[in-house]
Amino acid sequence: MQKKELYKIVGKNIQKQRLIQGYTQETFAELMGVSWSYVSKIEAGFLNLSLGKILEIANYLNIDIQLLLNVHY
């Protein structure tokens, strides 16, 4: 697996969990105190997120971090 592929998988997992929670990208960005474009770049897999940032996102979504790190083959 390439790094960029992993970024996309984590981004899609974040998007899925955000949608389950009923947040738009805009409302989730507001909750996190970041811009809408930052959330968009995360979900598109354009950013290399630290584990700390992934944990922070999991906490905002009130979910276990494993849901965001889940990689399906």
C-alpha atoms as a PDB file:
ATOM      1  CA  MET A   1       0.000   0.000   0.000  1.00  0.00           C
ATOM      2  CA  GLN A   2       1.211   3.462  -0.864  1.00  0.00           C
ATOM      3  CA  LYS A   3       0.992   6.391   1.555  1.00  0.00           C
ATOM      4  CA  LYS A   4      -1.392   8.328  -0.674  1.00  0.00           C
ATOM      5  CA  GLU A   5      -3.736   5.351  -0.763  1.00  0.00           C
ATOM      6  CA  LEU A   6      -3.771   5.270   3.040  1.00  0.00           C
ATOM      7  CA  TYR A   7      -4.518   9.017   3.197  1.00  0.00           C
ATOM      8  CA  LYS A   8      -7.535   8.465   0.943  1.00  0.00           C
ATOM      9  CA  ILE A   9      -8.818   5.537   3.012  1.00  0.00           C
ATOM     10  CA  VAL A  10      -8.557   7.499   6.263  1.00  0.00           C
ATOM     11  CA  GLY A  11     -10.179  10.507   4.576  1.00  0.00           C
ATOM     12  CA  LYS A  12     -13.101   8.408   3.373  1.00  0.00           C
ATOM     13  CA  ASN A  13     -13.488   6.885   6.839  1.00  0.00           C
ATOM     14  CA  ILE A  14     -13.639  10.380   8.318  1.00  0.00           C
ATOM     15  CA  GLN A  15     -16.202  11.420   5.719  1.00  0.00           C
ATOM     16  CA  LYS A  16     -18.346   8.348   6.408  1.00  0.00           C
ATOM     17  CA  GLN A  17     -18.348   8.926  10.153  1.00  0.00           C
ATOM     18  CA  ARG A  18     -19.029  12.665   9.714  1.00  0.00           C
ATOM     19  CA  LEU A  19     -22.058  11.854   7.564  1.00  0.00           C
ATOM     20  CA  ILE A  20     -23.313   9.269  10.074  1.00  0.00           C
ATOM     21  CA  GLN A  21     -23.157  12.013  12.720  1.00  0.00           C
ATOM     22  CA  GLY A  22     -25.170  14.312  10.436  1.00  0.00           C
ATOM     23  CA  TYR A  23     -22.513  16.987   9.976  1.00  0.00           C
ATOM     24  CA  THR A  24     -21.892  18.826   6.741  1.00  0.00           C
ATOM     25  CA  GLN A  25     -18.289  19.665   5.963  1.00  0.00           C
ATOM     26  CA  GLU A  26     -19.068  23.240   6.958  1.00  0.00           C
ATOM     27  CA  THR A  27     -20.643  22.408  10.319  1.00  0.00           C
ATOM     28  CA  PHE A  28     -17.906  19.906  11.142  1.00  0.00           C
ATOM     29  CA  ALA A  29     -15.236  22.465  10.253  1.00  0.00           C
ATOM     30  CA  GLU A  30     -16.941  24.963  12.558  1.00  0.00           C
ATOM     31  CA  LEU A  31     -17.005  22.396  15.384  1.00  0.00           C
ATOM     32  CA  MET A  32     -13.275  21.731  14.893  1.00  0.00           C
ATOM     33  CA  GLY A  33     -12.407  25.419  14.542  1.00  0.00           C
ATOM     34  CA  VAL A  34     -10.907  24.960  11.077  1.00  0.00           C
ATOM     35  CA  SER A  35     -11.832  26.000   7.555  1.00  0.00           C
ATOM     36  CA  TRP A  36     -14.217  24.075   5.330  1.00  0.00           C
ATOM     37  CA  SER A  37     -11.409  23.612   2.808  1.00  0.00           C
ATOM     38  CA  TYR A  38      -9.247  21.896   5.452  1.00  0.00           C
ATOM     39  CA  VAL A  39     -11.992  19.316   6.096  1.00  0.00           C
ATOM     40  CA  SER A  40     -12.420  18.901   2.337  1.00  0.00           C
ATOM     41  CA  LYS A  41      -8.684  18.240   1.883  1.00  0.00           C
ATOM     42  CA  ILE A  42      -8.683  15.713   4.737  1.00  0.00           C
ATOM     43  CA  GLU A  43     -11.589  13.783   3.262  1.00  0.00           C
ATOM     44  CA  ALA A  44     -10.081  13.845  -0.225  1.00  0.00           C
ATOM     45  CA  GLY A  45      -6.901  12.266   1.136  1.00  0.00           C
ATOM     46  CA  PHE A  46      -4.697  15.236   0.280  1.00  0.00           C
ATOM     47  CA  LEU A  47      -3.272  15.653   3.797  1.00  0.00           C
ATOM     48  CA  ASN A  48      -0.908  13.518   5.841  1.00  0.00           C
ATOM     49  CA  LEU A  49      -2.591  13.671   9.246  1.00  0.00           C
ATOM     50  CA  SER A  50      -0.690  12.956  12.433  1.00  0.00           C
ATOM     51  CA  LEU A  51      -2.041  10.290  14.755  1.00  0.00           C
ATOM     52  CA  GLY A  52      -2.765  13.081  17.218  1.00  0.00           C
ATOM     53  CA  LYS A  53      -4.942  14.886  14.660  1.00  0.00           C
ATOM     54  CA  ILE A  54      -6.773  11.649  13.792  1.00  0.00           C
ATOM     55  CA  LEU A  55      -7.423  11.093  17.508  1.00  0.00           C
ATOM     56  CA  GLU A  56      -8.700  14.674  17.792  1.00  0.00           C
ATOM     57  CA  ILE A  57     -11.107  14.088  14.890  1.00  0.00           C
ATOM     58  CA  ALA A  58     -12.291  10.831  16.486  1.00  0.00           C
ATOM     59  CA  ASN A  59     -12.947  12.726  19.710  1.00  0.00           C
ATOM     60  CA  TYR A  60     -14.938  15.420  17.874  1.00  0.00           C
ATOM     61  CA  LEU A  61     -17.018  12.631  16.324  1.00  0.00           C
ATOM     62  CA  ASN A  62     -17.242  10.824  19.688  1.00  0.00           C
ATOM     63  CA  ILE A  63     -16.075   7.552  18.124  1.00  0.00           C
ATOM     64  CA  ASP A  64     -13.218   5.097  18.599  1.00  0.00           C
ATOM     65  CA  ILE A  65     -10.128   6.020  16.580  1.00  0.00           C
ATOM     66  CA  GLN A  66     -10.116   2.495  15.119  1.00  0.00           C
ATOM     67  CA  LEU A  67     -13.111   3.425  12.955  1.00  0.00           C
ATOM     68  CA  LEU A  68     -10.969   6.037  11.230  1.00  0.00           C
ATOM     69  CA  LEU A  69      -7.907   3.819  10.875  1.00  0.00           C
ATOM     70  CA  ASN A  70      -9.818   0.813   9.548  1.00  0.00           C
ATOM     71  CA  VAL A  71      -8.211  -0.357   6.293  1.00  0.00           C
ATOM     72  CA  HIS A  72     -10.171  -2.845   4.169  1.00  0.00           C
ATOM     73  CA  TYR A  73      -8.418  -4.983   1.582  1.00  0.00           C
END
